[in-house]
Amino acid sequence: MIIARRLAALSFLLSVAALPTMAAPMDLDVGLRADIYDENYNLGKGVELGAVVSTTPLWDMGLHLNYTRFDAKTETWAAANEFGGYLAFYFRPAIDQAFSIRIGPHLGYAKIVNNYVDVGGDVMAVFKVSPGMSFYGAFIPCFMIGDAGQSLIRIGLGMEFGPGK
């Protein structure tokens, strides 16, 4: 039953993210993440898959799904896995640099031992290397709202593929 609810929520997020694709190209991204979660766990290592769509000349919308593995620091704690996803809205200010910046809030879901609402911000520096490929660095502070709420910091590197912006 819980899996069906998660799939229904994910389907809804995917359909919402797909609406602007009729008018704008979509970039797919894949990235590696390092996450700081809790003093009882080592630095988490994971992956992220996403899709980013230009909704206006200054705004992008992204859907990101992520998985992270946290190994426990002591034998009394079990390792933890994070499964989650979030929808982000990015403002792209015009800057006269060799890269572009995306800044914006995100809202999503995360399962790390407990279920959380994932609320936070995203800051990305995107370096275009060809018309269809970009590299990015991301800093994503998160507040996990739920039982035993936590904060989490994600740092990531990745690549975007697609027609570009």
N, C-alpha and C. Protein backbone atom coordinates (compact mmCIF):
# COMPACT_ATOMS: atom_id res chain seq x y z
N MET A 1 0.82 -1.19 0.00
CA MET A 1 0.00 0.00 0.00
C MET A 1 0.86 1.26 0.00
N ILE A 2 1.93 1.28 0.81
CA ILE A 2 2.81 2.44 0.86
C ILE A 2 3.51 2.63 -0.48
N ILE A 3 3.92 1.53 -1.10
CA ILE A 3 4.60 1.63 -2.40
C ILE A 3 3.65 2.21 -3.44
N ALA A 4 2.39 1.82 -3.41
CA ALA A 4 1.40 2.36 -4.36
C ALA A 4 1.24 3.87 -4.16
N ARG A 5 1.23 4.33 -2.93
CA ARG A 5 1.12 5.77 -2.66
C ARG A 5 2.34 6.51 -3.18
N ARG A 6 3.52 5.94 -2.96
CA ARG A 6 4.75 6.57 -3.45
C ARG A 6 4.74 6.65 -4.97
N LEU A 7 4.32 5.58 -5.63
CA LEU A 7 4.25 5.59 -7.09
C LEU A 7 3.23 6.60 -7.59
N ALA A 8 2.11 6.72 -6.90
CA ALA A 8 1.10 7.71 -7.30
C ALA A 8 1.66 9.12 -7.14
N ALA A 9 2.34 9.40 -6.05
CA ALA A 9 2.93 10.72 -5.84
C ALA A 9 4.01 11.00 -6.88
N LEU A 10 4.84 10.02 -7.18
CA LEU A 10 5.88 10.20 -8.18
C LEU A 10 5.28 10.41 -9.56
N SER A 11 4.22 9.69 -9.89
CA SER A 11 3.54 9.88 -11.18
C SER A 11 2.99 11.29 -11.30
N PHE A 12 2.42 11.80 -10.20
CA PHE A 12 1.90 13.16 -10.21
C PHE A 12 3.02 14.17 -10.46
N LEU A 13 4.15 14.01 -9.74
CA LEU A 13 5.27 14.93 -9.93
C LEU A 13 5.80 14.87 -11.36
N LEU A 14 5.90 13.67 -11.92
CA LEU A 14 6.38 13.54 -13.29
C LEU A 14 5.43 14.20 -14.28
N SER A 15 4.14 14.07 -14.06
CA SER A 15 3.17 14.70 -14.97
C SER A 15 3.22 16.22 -14.86
N VAL A 16 3.40 16.75 -13.64
CA VAL A 16 3.52 18.19 -13.47
C VAL A 16 4.79 18.68 -14.15
N ALA A 17 5.88 17.94 -14.02
CA ALA A 17 7.13 18.34 -14.64
C ALA A 17 7.06 18.26 -16.15
N ALA A 18 6.21 17.41 -16.68
CA ALA A 18 6.11 17.23 -18.13
C ALA A 18 5.29 18.31 -18.82
N LEU A 19 4.49 19.07 -18.10
CA LEU A 19 3.63 20.07 -18.72
C LEU A 19 4.39 21.09 -19.56
N PRO A 20 5.48 21.70 -19.06
CA PRO A 20 6.15 22.72 -19.86
C PRO A 20 6.96 22.15 -21.03
N THR A 21 7.13 20.85 -21.12
CA THR A 21 7.97 20.29 -22.17
C THR A 21 7.38 20.49 -23.55
N MET A 22 6.11 20.78 -23.63
CA MET A 22 5.51 21.03 -24.94
C MET A 22 6.10 22.28 -25.58
N ALA A 23 6.51 23.26 -24.76
CA ALA A 23 6.96 24.53 -25.29
C ALA A 23 8.48 24.71 -25.23
N ALA A 24 9.20 23.88 -24.50
CA ALA A 24 10.62 24.10 -24.31
C ALA A 24 11.38 22.78 -24.33
N PRO A 25 12.66 22.85 -24.70
CA PRO A 25 13.47 21.63 -24.67
C PRO A 25 13.73 21.19 -23.23
N MET A 26 13.92 19.89 -23.07
CA MET A 26 14.19 19.33 -21.76
C MET A 26 15.61 18.79 -21.74
N ASP A 27 16.34 19.10 -20.68
CA ASP A 27 17.67 18.56 -20.47
C ASP A 27 17.57 17.46 -19.42
N LEU A 28 18.19 16.34 -19.68
CA LEU A 28 18.27 15.25 -18.71
C LEU A 28 19.60 15.35 -18.00
N ASP A 29 19.60 15.10 -16.70
CA ASP A 29 20.88 15.17 -15.99
C ASP A 29 21.09 13.93 -15.14
N VAL A 30 22.36 13.65 -14.94
CA VAL A 30 22.80 12.56 -14.08
C VAL A 30 23.97 13.10 -13.26
N GLY A 31 23.98 12.79 -11.97
CA GLY A 31 25.03 13.34 -11.13
C GLY A 31 25.37 12.45 -9.96
N LEU A 32 26.50 12.75 -9.36
CA LEU A 32 26.96 12.10 -8.15
C LEU A 32 26.76 13.06 -7.00
N ARG A 33 26.40 12.51 -5.84
CA ARG A 33 26.12 13.33 -4.67
C ARG A 33 26.94 12.85 -3.47
N ALA A 34 27.31 13.81 -2.64
CA ALA A 34 27.86 13.54 -1.31
C ALA A 34 26.94 14.25 -0.34
N ASP A 35 26.45 13.54 0.67
CA ASP A 35 25.46 14.10 1.60
C ASP A 35 25.96 14.00 3.03
N ILE A 36 25.74 15.07 3.78
CA ILE A 36 26.00 15.08 5.22
C ILE A 36 24.64 15.02 5.89
N TYR A 37 24.41 13.97 6.70
CA TYR A 37 23.08 13.74 7.24
C TYR A 37 23.02 13.86 8.76
N ASP A 38 23.77 13.06 9.47
CA ASP A 38 23.61 12.92 10.91
C ASP A 38 24.98 12.56 11.49
N GLU A 39 25.22 12.96 12.72
CA GLU A 39 26.51 12.65 13.35
C GLU A 39 26.74 11.16 13.55
N ASN A 40 25.71 10.34 13.43
CA ASN A 40 25.85 8.89 13.58
C ASN A 40 26.23 8.18 12.29
N TYR A 41 26.30 8.93 11.18
CA TYR A 41 26.57 8.33 9.88
C TYR A 41 27.77 8.99 9.21
N ASN A 42 28.49 8.20 8.42
CA ASN A 42 29.56 8.74 7.61
C ASN A 42 28.97 9.53 6.45
N LEU A 43 29.83 10.21 5.73
CA LEU A 43 29.40 10.96 4.56
C LEU A 43 28.68 10.03 3.59
N GLY A 44 27.47 10.39 3.21
CA GLY A 44 26.70 9.57 2.28
C GLY A 44 27.15 9.79 0.85
N LYS A 45 27.09 8.73 0.07
CA LYS A 45 27.45 8.80 -1.34
C LYS A 45 26.27 8.30 -2.16
N GLY A 46 25.94 9.01 -3.24
CA GLY A 46 24.78 8.61 -4.00
C GLY A 46 24.75 9.15 -5.40
N VAL A 47 23.60 8.94 -6.04
CA VAL A 47 23.39 9.38 -7.41
C VAL A 47 22.09 10.15 -7.51
N GLU A 48 21.97 10.92 -8.57
CA GLU A 48 20.79 11.72 -8.82
C GLU A 48 20.47 11.66 -10.31
N LEU A 49 19.21 11.52 -10.63
CA LEU A 49 18.72 11.60 -12.00
C LEU A 49 17.69 12.72 -12.06
N GLY A 50 17.68 13.45 -13.15
CA GLY A 50 16.73 14.55 -13.20
C GLY A 50 16.40 14.99 -14.60
N ALA A 51 15.46 15.89 -14.67
CA ALA A 51 15.06 16.53 -15.91
C ALA A 51 14.82 18.01 -15.59
N VAL A 52 15.36 18.88 -16.45
CA VAL A 52 15.22 20.32 -16.26
C VAL A 52 14.62 20.92 -17.53
N VAL A 53 13.61 21.76 -17.35
CA VAL A 53 12.88 22.37 -18.47
C VAL A 53 12.89 23.89 -18.28
N SER A 54 13.15 24.61 -19.37
CA SER A 54 13.01 26.07 -19.34
C SER A 54 11.54 26.42 -19.43
N THR A 55 11.03 27.11 -18.44
CA THR A 55 9.62 27.50 -18.47
C THR A 55 9.45 28.92 -19.01
N THR A 56 10.43 29.79 -18.75
CA THR A 56 10.48 31.14 -19.30
C THR A 56 11.96 31.44 -19.55
N PRO A 57 12.28 32.58 -20.16
CA PRO A 57 13.70 32.89 -20.37
C PRO A 57 14.52 32.99 -19.08
N LEU A 58 13.88 33.29 -17.96
CA LEU A 58 14.62 33.44 -16.70
C LEU A 58 14.37 32.33 -15.69
N TRP A 59 13.45 31.40 -15.97
CA TRP A 59 13.09 30.38 -15.00
C TRP A 59 13.18 28.98 -15.60
N ASP A 60 13.69 28.05 -14.81
CA ASP A 60 13.72 26.63 -15.14
C ASP A 60 12.94 25.88 -14.07
N MET A 61 12.46 24.71 -14.43
CA MET A 61 11.81 23.82 -13.47
C MET A 61 12.51 22.47 -13.59
N GLY A 62 12.82 21.84 -12.46
CA GLY A 62 13.51 20.56 -12.49
C GLY A 62 12.87 19.53 -11.58
N LEU A 63 12.89 18.30 -12.02
CA LEU A 63 12.45 17.17 -11.22
C LEU A 63 13.68 16.30 -10.99
N HIS A 64 14.00 16.02 -9.74
CA HIS A 64 15.21 15.27 -9.40
C HIS A 64 14.85 14.09 -8.51
N LEU A 65 15.37 12.93 -8.85
CA LEU A 65 15.22 11.71 -8.04
C LEU A 65 16.60 11.33 -7.54
N ASN A 66 16.70 10.95 -6.28
CA ASN A 66 18.02 10.66 -5.73
C ASN A 66 18.02 9.43 -4.83
N TYR A 67 19.20 8.82 -4.77
CA TYR A 67 19.47 7.69 -3.88
C TYR A 67 20.82 7.96 -3.22
N THR A 68 20.90 7.75 -1.90
CA THR A 68 22.14 7.92 -1.16
C THR A 68 22.28 6.80 -0.15
N ARG A 69 23.50 6.32 0.04
CA ARG A 69 23.81 5.28 1.03
C ARG A 69 24.63 5.92 2.14
N PHE A 70 24.16 5.76 3.38
CA PHE A 70 24.86 6.26 4.55
C PHE A 70 25.33 5.07 5.38
N ASP A 71 26.64 4.92 5.57
CA ASP A 71 27.17 3.87 6.44
C ASP A 71 27.26 4.41 7.86
N ALA A 72 26.89 3.57 8.82
CA ALA A 72 26.91 3.98 10.23
C ALA A 72 28.34 4.09 10.73
N LYS A 73 28.57 5.02 11.66
CA LYS A 73 29.90 5.20 12.25
C LYS A 73 30.20 4.15 13.31
N THR A 74 29.17 3.62 13.95
CA THR A 74 29.37 2.63 15.00
C THR A 74 28.60 1.36 14.68
N GLU A 75 28.94 0.28 15.36
CA GLU A 75 28.28 -1.00 15.12
C GLU A 75 26.87 -1.04 15.67
N THR A 76 26.53 -0.15 16.58
CA THR A 76 25.19 -0.16 17.17
C THR A 76 24.14 0.46 16.24
N TRP A 77 24.56 1.16 15.21
CA TRP A 77 23.65 1.77 14.26
C TRP A 77 23.68 0.98 12.96
N ALA A 78 22.55 0.87 12.32
CA ALA A 78 22.49 0.21 11.01
C ALA A 78 22.71 1.25 9.92
N ALA A 79 23.20 0.81 8.78
CA ALA A 79 23.35 1.70 7.64
C ALA A 79 21.97 2.19 7.20
N ALA A 80 21.94 3.33 6.54
CA ALA A 80 20.67 3.91 6.09
C ALA A 80 20.75 4.24 4.61
N ASN A 81 19.63 4.13 3.95
CA ASN A 81 19.51 4.50 2.54
C ASN A 81 18.51 5.62 2.41
N GLU A 82 18.80 6.58 1.56
CA GLU A 82 17.85 7.64 1.26
C GLU A 82 17.30 7.40 -0.15
N PHE A 83 15.98 7.40 -0.25
CA PHE A 83 15.29 7.38 -1.52
C PHE A 83 14.41 8.62 -1.53
N GLY A 84 14.47 9.40 -2.58
CA GLY A 84 13.64 10.59 -2.57
C GLY A 84 13.62 11.28 -3.91
N GLY A 85 12.90 12.36 -3.92
CA GLY A 85 12.80 13.19 -5.11
C GLY A 85 12.23 14.53 -4.75
N TYR A 86 12.48 15.51 -5.61
CA TYR A 86 11.95 16.83 -5.34
C TYR A 86 11.76 17.61 -6.64
N LEU A 87 10.88 18.57 -6.56
CA LEU A 87 10.58 19.47 -7.65
C LEU A 87 11.20 20.82 -7.30
N ALA A 88 12.00 21.38 -8.21
CA ALA A 88 12.69 22.64 -7.95
C ALA A 88 12.33 23.67 -9.00
N PHE A 89 12.28 24.93 -8.58
CA PHE A 89 12.09 26.05 -9.50
C PHE A 89 13.33 26.92 -9.42
N TYR A 90 13.97 27.13 -10.56
CA TYR A 90 15.25 27.84 -10.60
C TYR A 90 15.13 29.18 -11.29
N PHE A 91 15.63 30.21 -10.65
CA PHE A 91 15.80 31.51 -11.28
C PHE A 91 17.19 31.51 -11.90
N ARG A 92 17.29 31.96 -13.15
CA ARG A 92 18.57 32.04 -13.84
C ARG A 92 18.92 33.50 -14.09
N PRO A 93 19.62 34.14 -13.17
CA PRO A 93 19.97 35.55 -13.39
C PRO A 93 20.95 35.67 -14.55
N ALA A 94 20.87 36.79 -15.26
CA ALA A 94 21.79 37.05 -16.36
C ALA A 94 23.12 37.52 -15.78
N ILE A 95 24.17 36.75 -16.03
CA ILE A 95 25.50 37.13 -15.58
C ILE A 95 26.45 37.06 -16.78
N ASP A 96 27.46 37.88 -16.75
CA ASP A 96 28.43 37.92 -17.85
C ASP A 96 29.63 37.06 -17.48
N GLN A 97 29.41 35.73 -17.46
CA GLN A 97 30.45 34.77 -17.10
C GLN A 97 30.40 33.59 -18.06
N ALA A 98 31.36 32.69 -17.94
CA ALA A 98 31.40 31.49 -18.80
C ALA A 98 30.46 30.41 -18.30
N PHE A 99 29.68 30.69 -17.28
CA PHE A 99 28.73 29.73 -16.72
C PHE A 99 27.44 30.45 -16.38
N SER A 100 26.40 29.68 -16.16
CA SER A 100 25.13 30.26 -15.70
C SER A 100 24.85 29.75 -14.29
N ILE A 101 24.00 30.47 -13.59
CA ILE A 101 23.65 30.11 -12.21
C ILE A 101 22.15 29.83 -12.15
N ARG A 102 21.81 28.80 -11.39
CA ARG A 102 20.41 28.50 -11.07
C ARG A 102 20.25 28.60 -9.56
N ILE A 103 19.28 29.37 -9.13
CA ILE A 103 19.01 29.54 -7.70
C ILE A 103 17.52 29.36 -7.48
N GLY A 104 17.14 28.55 -6.50
CA GLY A 104 15.72 28.41 -6.24
C GLY A 104 15.38 27.44 -5.15
N PRO A 105 14.10 27.40 -4.79
CA PRO A 105 13.62 26.49 -3.75
C PRO A 105 13.26 25.12 -4.33
N HIS A 106 13.17 24.14 -3.44
CA HIS A 106 12.66 22.83 -3.85
C HIS A 106 11.73 22.29 -2.77
N LEU A 107 10.87 21.36 -3.21
CA LEU A 107 9.93 20.68 -2.32
C LEU A 107 9.82 19.25 -2.79
N GLY A 108 9.93 18.31 -1.85
CA GLY A 108 9.86 16.90 -2.25
C GLY A 108 9.63 15.96 -1.08
N TYR A 109 10.05 14.73 -1.30
CA TYR A 109 9.86 13.64 -0.34
C TYR A 109 11.19 12.90 -0.19
N ALA A 110 11.47 12.45 1.02
CA ALA A 110 12.67 11.63 1.27
C ALA A 110 12.33 10.56 2.29
N LYS A 111 12.88 9.40 2.08
CA LYS A 111 12.76 8.28 3.02
C LYS A 111 14.16 7.92 3.48
N ILE A 112 14.50 8.32 4.71
CA ILE A 112 15.76 7.94 5.35
C ILE A 112 15.37 7.48 6.74
N VAL A 113 15.29 6.21 6.98
CA VAL A 113 14.79 5.65 8.23
C VAL A 113 13.33 6.07 8.45
N ASN A 114 13.05 7.38 8.47
CA ASN A 114 11.68 7.91 8.59
C ASN A 114 11.26 8.54 7.27
N ASN A 115 9.99 8.89 7.17
CA ASN A 115 9.48 9.62 6.00
C ASN A 115 9.56 11.11 6.28
N TYR A 116 10.04 11.87 5.30
CA TYR A 116 10.20 13.31 5.47
C TYR A 116 9.65 14.08 4.29
N VAL A 117 9.21 15.30 4.57
CA VAL A 117 8.98 16.28 3.52
C VAL A 117 10.31 17.02 3.38
N ASP A 118 10.84 17.07 2.18
CA ASP A 118 12.15 17.66 1.88
C ASP A 118 11.93 19.08 1.36
N VAL A 119 12.33 20.08 2.16
CA VAL A 119 12.18 21.48 1.79
C VAL A 119 13.57 22.11 1.85
N GLY A 120 13.90 22.89 0.85
CA GLY A 120 15.21 23.53 0.88
C GLY A 120 15.46 24.41 -0.32
N GLY A 121 16.71 24.67 -0.55
CA GLY A 121 17.13 25.53 -1.66
C GLY A 121 18.14 24.81 -2.53
N ASP A 122 18.29 25.29 -3.73
CA ASP A 122 19.27 24.74 -4.67
C ASP A 122 20.08 25.89 -5.24
N VAL A 123 21.38 25.70 -5.33
CA VAL A 123 22.27 26.63 -6.00
C VAL A 123 23.14 25.80 -6.93
N MET A 124 23.09 26.12 -8.22
CA MET A 124 23.85 25.37 -9.21
C MET A 124 24.65 26.32 -10.10
N ALA A 125 25.88 25.93 -10.42
CA ALA A 125 26.68 26.60 -11.44
C ALA A 125 26.75 25.64 -12.62
N VAL A 126 26.29 26.08 -13.79
CA VAL A 126 26.20 25.23 -14.97
C VAL A 126 27.18 25.74 -16.03
N PHE A 127 28.08 24.85 -16.46
CA PHE A 127 29.11 25.17 -17.45
C PHE A 127 28.77 24.46 -18.76
N LYS A 128 28.43 25.22 -19.80
CA LYS A 128 28.10 24.63 -21.10
C LYS A 128 29.40 24.30 -21.83
N VAL A 129 29.55 23.02 -22.25
CA VAL A 129 30.75 22.59 -22.97
C VAL A 129 30.47 22.35 -24.44
N SER A 130 29.23 22.15 -24.80
CA SER A 130 28.80 22.01 -26.20
C SER A 130 27.32 22.33 -26.24
N PRO A 131 26.72 22.49 -27.45
CA PRO A 131 25.30 22.81 -27.49
C PRO A 131 24.40 21.78 -26.80
N GLY A 132 24.81 20.54 -26.71
CA GLY A 132 23.96 19.53 -26.10
C GLY A 132 24.46 18.99 -24.77
N MET A 133 25.53 19.57 -24.21
CA MET A 133 26.06 19.01 -22.97
C MET A 133 26.60 20.12 -22.05
N SER A 134 26.30 19.97 -20.77
CA SER A 134 26.77 20.90 -19.74
C SER A 134 27.22 20.10 -18.52
N PHE A 135 28.15 20.68 -17.77
CA PHE A 135 28.55 20.15 -16.47
C PHE A 135 28.02 21.09 -15.41
N TYR A 136 27.72 20.56 -14.22
CA TYR A 136 27.24 21.43 -13.16
C TYR A 136 27.81 21.02 -11.81
N GLY A 137 27.86 21.98 -10.92
CA GLY A 137 28.15 21.77 -9.51
C GLY A 137 26.96 22.29 -8.73
N ALA A 138 26.56 21.57 -7.68
CA ALA A 138 25.35 21.95 -6.95
C ALA A 138 25.59 21.93 -5.44
N PHE A 139 24.95 22.86 -4.76
CA PHE A 139 24.91 22.91 -3.30
C PHE A 139 23.45 22.96 -2.92
N ILE A 140 22.98 21.95 -2.15
CA ILE A 140 21.55 21.80 -1.88
C ILE A 140 21.31 21.57 -0.38
N PRO A 141 21.10 22.64 0.38
CA PRO A 141 20.73 22.46 1.79
C PRO A 141 19.26 22.05 1.90
N CYS A 142 18.97 21.09 2.78
CA CYS A 142 17.61 20.55 2.92
C CYS A 142 17.20 20.51 4.38
N PHE A 143 15.92 20.72 4.61
CA PHE A 143 15.33 20.53 5.92
C PHE A 143 14.32 19.41 5.79
N MET A 144 14.53 18.34 6.54
CA MET A 144 13.65 17.18 6.50
C MET A 144 12.60 17.35 7.60
N ILE A 145 11.36 17.57 7.19
CA ILE A 145 10.27 17.82 8.13
C ILE A 145 9.50 16.53 8.33
N GLY A 146 9.35 16.12 9.58
CA GLY A 146 8.65 14.90 9.93
C GLY A 146 9.08 14.46 11.32
N ASP A 147 8.78 13.21 11.70
CA ASP A 147 9.22 12.69 12.99
C ASP A 147 10.73 12.71 13.04
N ALA A 148 11.28 13.21 14.13
CA ALA A 148 12.73 13.33 14.30
C ALA A 148 13.33 14.08 13.12
N GLY A 149 12.82 15.28 12.85
CA GLY A 149 13.29 16.09 11.72
C GLY A 149 14.79 16.29 11.73
N GLN A 150 15.35 16.41 10.58
CA GLN A 150 16.79 16.53 10.40
C GLN A 150 17.09 17.61 9.37
N SER A 151 18.33 17.99 9.31
CA SER A 151 18.79 18.80 8.17
C SER A 151 19.80 17.94 7.41
N LEU A 152 19.95 18.24 6.15
CA LEU A 152 20.83 17.46 5.29
C LEU A 152 21.44 18.41 4.29
N ILE A 153 22.70 18.22 3.97
CA ILE A 153 23.38 19.04 2.97
C ILE A 153 23.86 18.13 1.86
N ARG A 154 23.44 18.43 0.63
CA ARG A 154 23.90 17.68 -0.55
C ARG A 154 24.85 18.55 -1.35
N ILE A 155 25.93 17.95 -1.78
CA ILE A 155 26.88 18.60 -2.69
C ILE A 155 27.01 17.66 -3.88
N GLY A 156 26.90 18.19 -5.09
CA GLY A 156 26.91 17.30 -6.23
C GLY A 156 27.64 17.84 -7.43
N LEU A 157 28.02 16.92 -8.29
CA LEU A 157 28.61 17.20 -9.59
C LEU A 157 27.85 16.36 -10.60
N GLY A 158 27.61 16.90 -11.78
CA GLY A 158 26.88 16.13 -12.75
C GLY A 158 26.99 16.66 -14.16
N MET A 159 26.27 15.99 -15.05
CA MET A 159 26.23 16.35 -16.46
C MET A 159 24.77 16.46 -16.91
N GLU A 160 24.50 17.42 -17.79
CA GLU A 160 23.19 17.56 -18.41
C GLU A 160 23.32 17.27 -19.90
N PHE A 161 22.35 16.54 -20.43
CA PHE A 161 22.31 16.19 -21.84
C PHE A 161 21.00 16.68 -22.44
N GLY A 162 21.03 17.13 -23.64
CA GLY A 162 19.81 17.52 -24.31
C GLY A 162 20.06 18.65 -25.27
N PRO A 163 19.00 19.19 -25.82
CA PRO A 163 19.14 20.26 -26.79
C PRO A 163 19.74 21.53 -26.20
N GLY A 164 19.74 21.64 -24.88
CA GLY A 164 20.34 22.80 -24.21
C GLY A 164 19.46 24.03 -24.24
N LYS A 165 19.97 25.03 -23.64
CA LYS A 165 19.24 26.30 -23.53
C LYS A 165 20.03 27.39 -24.19
